[in-house]
Amino acid sequence: MDFEGQKLAEALSMAIVVVAAVLGFLYGYVRQDFAAMMWVFASGTAVAALVGVPDWPMYNKHPVRFLPPKAKEGQRGGGSSGKGGGSGKRKKAASWSTLWGMF
C-alpha cells in the first residue's frame, strides 16, 4: 500500500464508521433499542475494516520509486579484512541516562 493508498484507506474507513455511527444512533433512537444501535454500528465497523485493512489494488496506484543503492568504496569485493571491519572509529554507545537526560 502506497502513501496515497493509506490516505484513501483512512478516509474511507473514517467515513464509513461515522456514517455507521449516525445511522446506528438514529435507528436505535427510533426503535428505542440499544442493542439494535450497537449491531448497526458494529456492522459498519466490520465493513470499514473490510474496506481498509486488506491491501486492495485501488490502494497501489501511486507506487513509490526509490533511488538505486549506492556502492560504497572498498566493499565491492566481499567480506572485510582484519578485526572490526571498519575505519577504526567506533560509535559511542548511548546509555539510558544520556538518552533520557536523567543524570
N, C-alpha and C. Protein backbone atom coordinates (compact mmCIF):
# COMPACT_ATOMS: atom_id res chain seq x y z
N MET A 1 0.86 -1.17 0.00
CA MET A 1 0.00 0.00 0.00
C MET A 1 0.91 1.23 0.00
N ASP A 2 0.65 2.13 -0.93
CA ASP A 2 1.46 3.35 -1.02
C ASP A 2 0.88 4.44 -0.13
N PHE A 3 1.55 5.60 -0.11
CA PHE A 3 1.12 6.67 0.79
C PHE A 3 -0.25 7.22 0.42
N GLU A 4 -0.51 7.38 -0.86
CA GLU A 4 -1.83 7.85 -1.29
C GLU A 4 -2.89 6.81 -0.96
N GLY A 5 -2.55 5.54 -1.07
CA GLY A 5 -3.48 4.47 -0.70
C GLY A 5 -3.79 4.47 0.78
N GLN A 6 -2.80 4.76 1.61
CA GLN A 6 -3.03 4.86 3.05
C GLN A 6 -3.99 6.00 3.35
N LYS A 7 -3.79 7.11 2.66
CA LYS A 7 -4.67 8.27 2.87
C LYS A 7 -6.11 7.93 2.47
N LEU A 8 -6.26 7.25 1.33
CA LEU A 8 -7.58 6.86 0.85
C LEU A 8 -8.22 5.84 1.79
N ALA A 9 -7.46 4.86 2.25
CA ALA A 9 -8.00 3.84 3.16
C ALA A 9 -8.47 4.48 4.47
N GLU A 10 -7.69 5.43 4.98
CA GLU A 10 -8.09 6.09 6.22
C GLU A 10 -9.36 6.92 6.02
N ALA A 11 -9.43 7.65 4.90
CA ALA A 11 -10.61 8.48 4.64
C ALA A 11 -11.86 7.63 4.47
N LEU A 12 -11.75 6.54 3.72
CA LEU A 12 -12.91 5.66 3.53
C LEU A 12 -13.34 5.01 4.84
N SER A 13 -12.39 4.52 5.60
CA SER A 13 -12.72 3.88 6.88
C SER A 13 -13.38 4.86 7.83
N MET A 14 -12.82 6.06 7.89
CA MET A 14 -13.39 7.07 8.80
C MET A 14 -14.80 7.45 8.37
N ALA A 15 -15.02 7.63 7.08
CA ALA A 15 -16.35 7.99 6.59
C ALA A 15 -17.36 6.88 6.88
N ILE A 16 -16.95 5.64 6.66
CA ILE A 16 -17.86 4.51 6.90
C ILE A 16 -18.22 4.41 8.38
N VAL A 17 -17.24 4.59 9.25
CA VAL A 17 -17.50 4.50 10.69
C VAL A 17 -18.41 5.64 11.15
N VAL A 18 -18.19 6.84 10.65
CA VAL A 18 -19.03 7.98 11.05
C VAL A 18 -20.47 7.77 10.56
N VAL A 19 -20.62 7.34 9.30
CA VAL A 19 -21.97 7.10 8.77
C VAL A 19 -22.65 5.98 9.56
N ALA A 20 -21.92 4.93 9.89
CA ALA A 20 -22.50 3.84 10.67
C ALA A 20 -22.90 4.31 12.06
N ALA A 21 -22.10 5.18 12.65
CA ALA A 21 -22.44 5.70 13.99
C ALA A 21 -23.71 6.54 13.94
N VAL A 22 -23.82 7.40 12.94
CA VAL A 22 -25.01 8.25 12.83
C VAL A 22 -26.24 7.40 12.54
N LEU A 23 -26.12 6.49 11.57
CA LEU A 23 -27.26 5.63 11.24
C LEU A 23 -27.64 4.73 12.42
N GLY A 24 -26.64 4.20 13.11
CA GLY A 24 -26.92 3.36 14.28
C GLY A 24 -27.61 4.14 15.38
N PHE A 25 -27.16 5.38 15.60
CA PHE A 25 -27.81 6.20 16.63
C PHE A 25 -29.27 6.48 16.26
N LEU A 26 -29.47 6.87 15.02
CA LEU A 26 -30.85 7.18 14.58
C LEU A 26 -31.74 5.94 14.65
N TYR A 27 -31.24 4.82 14.17
CA TYR A 27 -32.02 3.58 14.19
C TYR A 27 -32.33 3.16 15.62
N GLY A 28 -31.34 3.23 16.50
CA GLY A 28 -31.56 2.87 17.90
C GLY A 28 -32.50 3.84 18.60
N TYR A 29 -32.42 5.11 18.24
CA TYR A 29 -33.29 6.12 18.85
C TYR A 29 -34.75 5.90 18.43
N VAL A 30 -34.95 5.62 17.14
CA VAL A 30 -36.32 5.42 16.64
C VAL A 30 -36.92 4.15 17.25
N ARG A 31 -36.13 3.09 17.30
CA ARG A 31 -36.63 1.82 17.85
C ARG A 31 -36.54 1.75 19.36
N GLN A 32 -35.84 2.70 19.98
CA GLN A 32 -35.60 2.68 21.42
C GLN A 32 -34.95 1.35 21.83
N ASP A 33 -33.91 0.98 21.08
CA ASP A 33 -33.25 -0.30 21.27
C ASP A 33 -31.73 -0.11 21.18
N PHE A 34 -31.08 -0.21 22.32
CA PHE A 34 -29.63 0.00 22.36
C PHE A 34 -28.90 -1.11 21.62
N ALA A 35 -29.37 -2.33 21.73
CA ALA A 35 -28.72 -3.46 21.06
C ALA A 35 -28.77 -3.29 19.54
N ALA A 36 -29.90 -2.82 19.02
CA ALA A 36 -30.01 -2.59 17.58
C ALA A 36 -29.03 -1.52 17.12
N MET A 37 -28.87 -0.47 17.94
CA MET A 37 -27.90 0.57 17.61
C MET A 37 -26.49 -0.02 17.56
N MET A 38 -26.15 -0.85 18.51
CA MET A 38 -24.82 -1.44 18.54
C MET A 38 -24.60 -2.39 17.37
N TRP A 39 -25.63 -3.13 16.95
CA TRP A 39 -25.49 -4.02 15.80
C TRP A 39 -25.23 -3.23 14.51
N VAL A 40 -25.94 -2.12 14.34
CA VAL A 40 -25.72 -1.30 13.15
C VAL A 40 -24.30 -0.72 13.18
N PHE A 41 -23.88 -0.22 14.31
CA PHE A 41 -22.55 0.35 14.42
C PHE A 41 -21.47 -0.72 14.23
N ALA A 42 -21.67 -1.90 14.82
CA ALA A 42 -20.70 -2.99 14.67
C ALA A 42 -20.62 -3.45 13.22
N SER A 43 -21.75 -3.48 12.53
CA SER A 43 -21.75 -3.86 11.12
C SER A 43 -20.97 -2.84 10.29
N GLY A 44 -21.17 -1.56 10.58
CA GLY A 44 -20.42 -0.52 9.88
C GLY A 44 -18.94 -0.59 10.15
N THR A 45 -18.58 -0.91 11.38
CA THR A 45 -17.17 -1.06 11.73
C THR A 45 -16.56 -2.26 11.00
N ALA A 46 -17.31 -3.35 10.89
CA ALA A 46 -16.82 -4.52 10.15
C ALA A 46 -16.63 -4.19 8.67
N VAL A 47 -17.56 -3.44 8.10
CA VAL A 47 -17.43 -3.03 6.69
C VAL A 47 -16.20 -2.12 6.53
N ALA A 48 -16.00 -1.21 7.47
CA ALA A 48 -14.83 -0.32 7.41
C ALA A 48 -13.54 -1.12 7.50
N ALA A 49 -13.50 -2.15 8.34
CA ALA A 49 -12.32 -3.00 8.44
C ALA A 49 -12.10 -3.78 7.15
N LEU A 50 -13.18 -4.25 6.55
CA LEU A 50 -13.07 -4.99 5.30
C LEU A 50 -12.59 -4.09 4.16
N VAL A 51 -12.96 -2.83 4.19
CA VAL A 51 -12.53 -1.89 3.14
C VAL A 51 -11.11 -1.40 3.39
N GLY A 52 -10.75 -1.16 4.65
CA GLY A 52 -9.48 -0.50 4.93
C GLY A 52 -8.29 -1.40 5.22
N VAL A 53 -8.52 -2.59 5.73
CA VAL A 53 -7.39 -3.42 6.17
C VAL A 53 -6.72 -4.16 5.03
N PRO A 54 -7.42 -4.89 4.16
CA PRO A 54 -6.70 -5.60 3.10
C PRO A 54 -6.04 -4.64 2.11
N ASP A 55 -4.99 -5.11 1.50
CA ASP A 55 -4.26 -4.29 0.53
C ASP A 55 -4.91 -4.44 -0.84
N TRP A 56 -6.03 -3.74 -1.03
CA TRP A 56 -6.75 -3.79 -2.29
C TRP A 56 -5.95 -3.10 -3.39
N PRO A 57 -6.14 -3.49 -4.67
CA PRO A 57 -5.39 -2.86 -5.76
C PRO A 57 -5.64 -1.36 -5.89
N MET A 58 -6.78 -0.87 -5.43
CA MET A 58 -7.04 0.56 -5.54
C MET A 58 -6.14 1.38 -4.63
N TYR A 59 -5.46 0.73 -3.68
CA TYR A 59 -4.55 1.42 -2.79
C TYR A 59 -3.11 1.42 -3.30
N ASN A 60 -2.86 0.83 -4.45
CA ASN A 60 -1.50 0.72 -5.00
C ASN A 60 -1.34 1.43 -6.33
N LYS A 61 -2.03 2.52 -6.52
CA LYS A 61 -1.98 3.22 -7.81
C LYS A 61 -0.82 4.20 -7.93
N HIS A 62 -0.18 4.56 -6.83
CA HIS A 62 0.91 5.54 -6.84
C HIS A 62 2.13 4.93 -6.15
N PRO A 63 2.84 4.01 -6.83
CA PRO A 63 3.98 3.37 -6.16
C PRO A 63 5.12 4.36 -5.91
N VAL A 64 5.84 4.13 -4.85
CA VAL A 64 6.99 4.96 -4.50
C VAL A 64 8.21 4.43 -5.24
N ARG A 65 8.89 5.31 -5.93
CA ARG A 65 10.10 4.91 -6.65
C ARG A 65 11.30 5.29 -5.81
N PHE A 66 12.07 4.30 -5.43
CA PHE A 66 13.24 4.52 -4.61
C PHE A 66 14.47 4.69 -5.49
N LEU A 67 15.48 5.36 -4.98
CA LEU A 67 16.73 5.50 -5.71
C LEU A 67 17.49 4.19 -5.66
N PRO A 68 18.30 3.91 -6.68
CA PRO A 68 19.11 2.69 -6.62
C PRO A 68 20.17 2.82 -5.52
N PRO A 69 20.57 1.72 -4.90
CA PRO A 69 21.57 1.80 -3.83
C PRO A 69 22.93 2.21 -4.37
N LYS A 70 23.64 3.01 -3.57
CA LYS A 70 24.98 3.43 -3.94
C LYS A 70 25.97 2.37 -3.46
N ALA A 71 26.98 2.09 -4.29
CA ALA A 71 28.03 1.16 -3.90
C ALA A 71 29.05 1.92 -3.08
N LYS A 72 29.40 1.39 -1.90
CA LYS A 72 30.39 2.02 -1.05
C LYS A 72 31.79 1.64 -1.53
N GLU A 73 32.72 2.56 -1.36
CA GLU A 73 34.10 2.29 -1.78
C GLU A 73 34.71 1.24 -0.87
N GLY A 74 35.40 0.28 -1.47
CA GLY A 74 36.10 -0.74 -0.69
C GLY A 74 35.24 -1.90 -0.26
N GLN A 75 33.98 -1.92 -0.58
CA GLN A 75 33.13 -3.02 -0.16
C GLN A 75 32.57 -3.80 -1.34
N ARG A 76 33.17 -3.67 -2.48
CA ARG A 76 32.67 -4.40 -3.65
C ARG A 76 33.13 -5.85 -3.64
N GLY A 77 34.30 -6.12 -3.06
CA GLY A 77 34.90 -7.44 -3.15
C GLY A 77 34.24 -8.49 -2.29
N GLY A 78 33.69 -8.17 -1.20
CA GLY A 78 33.11 -9.18 -0.33
C GLY A 78 33.27 -8.79 1.12
N GLY A 79 33.85 -9.72 1.89
CA GLY A 79 33.97 -9.52 3.32
C GLY A 79 35.04 -8.51 3.68
N SER A 80 35.10 -8.19 4.94
CA SER A 80 36.10 -7.23 5.41
C SER A 80 37.33 -7.97 5.88
N SER A 81 38.46 -7.33 5.76
CA SER A 81 39.70 -7.95 6.19
C SER A 81 40.11 -7.34 7.52
N GLY A 82 40.54 -8.18 8.43
CA GLY A 82 41.00 -7.68 9.71
C GLY A 82 39.87 -7.61 10.72
N LYS A 83 40.28 -7.25 11.95
CA LYS A 83 39.29 -7.15 13.02
C LYS A 83 38.51 -5.85 12.91
N GLY A 84 37.26 -5.89 13.29
CA GLY A 84 36.46 -4.67 13.31
C GLY A 84 35.80 -4.38 11.99
N GLY A 85 36.52 -4.45 10.91
CA GLY A 85 35.94 -4.26 9.60
C GLY A 85 35.55 -2.84 9.27
N GLY A 86 35.90 -1.90 10.11
CA GLY A 86 35.50 -0.52 9.86
C GLY A 86 36.70 0.38 9.66
N SER A 87 36.48 1.64 9.76
CA SER A 87 37.55 2.61 9.55
C SER A 87 38.32 2.88 10.83
N GLY A 88 38.05 2.15 11.87
CA GLY A 88 38.76 2.36 13.12
C GLY A 88 37.99 3.22 14.10
N LYS A 89 37.00 3.95 13.62
CA LYS A 89 36.21 4.79 14.51
C LYS A 89 35.04 3.98 15.05
N ARG A 90 34.81 4.13 16.35
CA ARG A 90 33.68 3.44 16.96
C ARG A 90 32.66 4.45 17.41
N LYS A 91 31.42 4.09 17.25
CA LYS A 91 30.36 4.95 17.76
C LYS A 91 30.27 4.80 19.26
N LYS A 92 29.98 5.89 19.93
CA LYS A 92 29.82 5.85 21.37
C LYS A 92 28.46 5.23 21.69
N ALA A 93 28.48 4.25 22.57
CA ALA A 93 27.24 3.59 22.96
C ALA A 93 26.42 4.53 23.82
N ALA A 94 25.15 4.65 23.53
CA ALA A 94 24.27 5.52 24.29
C ALA A 94 23.68 4.73 25.46
N SER A 95 23.70 5.34 26.62
CA SER A 95 23.08 4.71 27.78
C SER A 95 21.71 5.34 28.00
N TRP A 96 20.94 4.72 28.87
CA TRP A 96 19.60 5.24 29.14
C TRP A 96 19.67 6.64 29.74
N SER A 97 20.67 6.87 30.55
CA SER A 97 20.75 8.18 31.19
C SER A 97 21.06 9.28 30.17
N THR A 98 21.87 8.98 29.16
CA THR A 98 22.13 10.01 28.14
C THR A 98 20.95 10.14 27.19
N LEU A 99 20.25 9.06 26.96
CA LEU A 99 19.09 9.13 26.07
C LEU A 99 17.97 9.97 26.67
N TRP A 100 17.72 9.78 27.93
CA TRP A 100 16.61 10.46 28.57
C TRP A 100 17.01 11.71 29.32
N GLY A 101 18.32 11.94 29.45
CA GLY A 101 18.79 13.15 30.11
C GLY A 101 18.49 13.20 31.59
N MET A 102 18.47 12.03 32.23
CA MET A 102 18.10 11.99 33.64
C MET A 102 19.26 12.37 34.55
N PHE A 103 20.47 11.91 34.23
CA PHE A 103 21.59 12.12 35.14
C PHE A 103 22.66 12.93 34.48
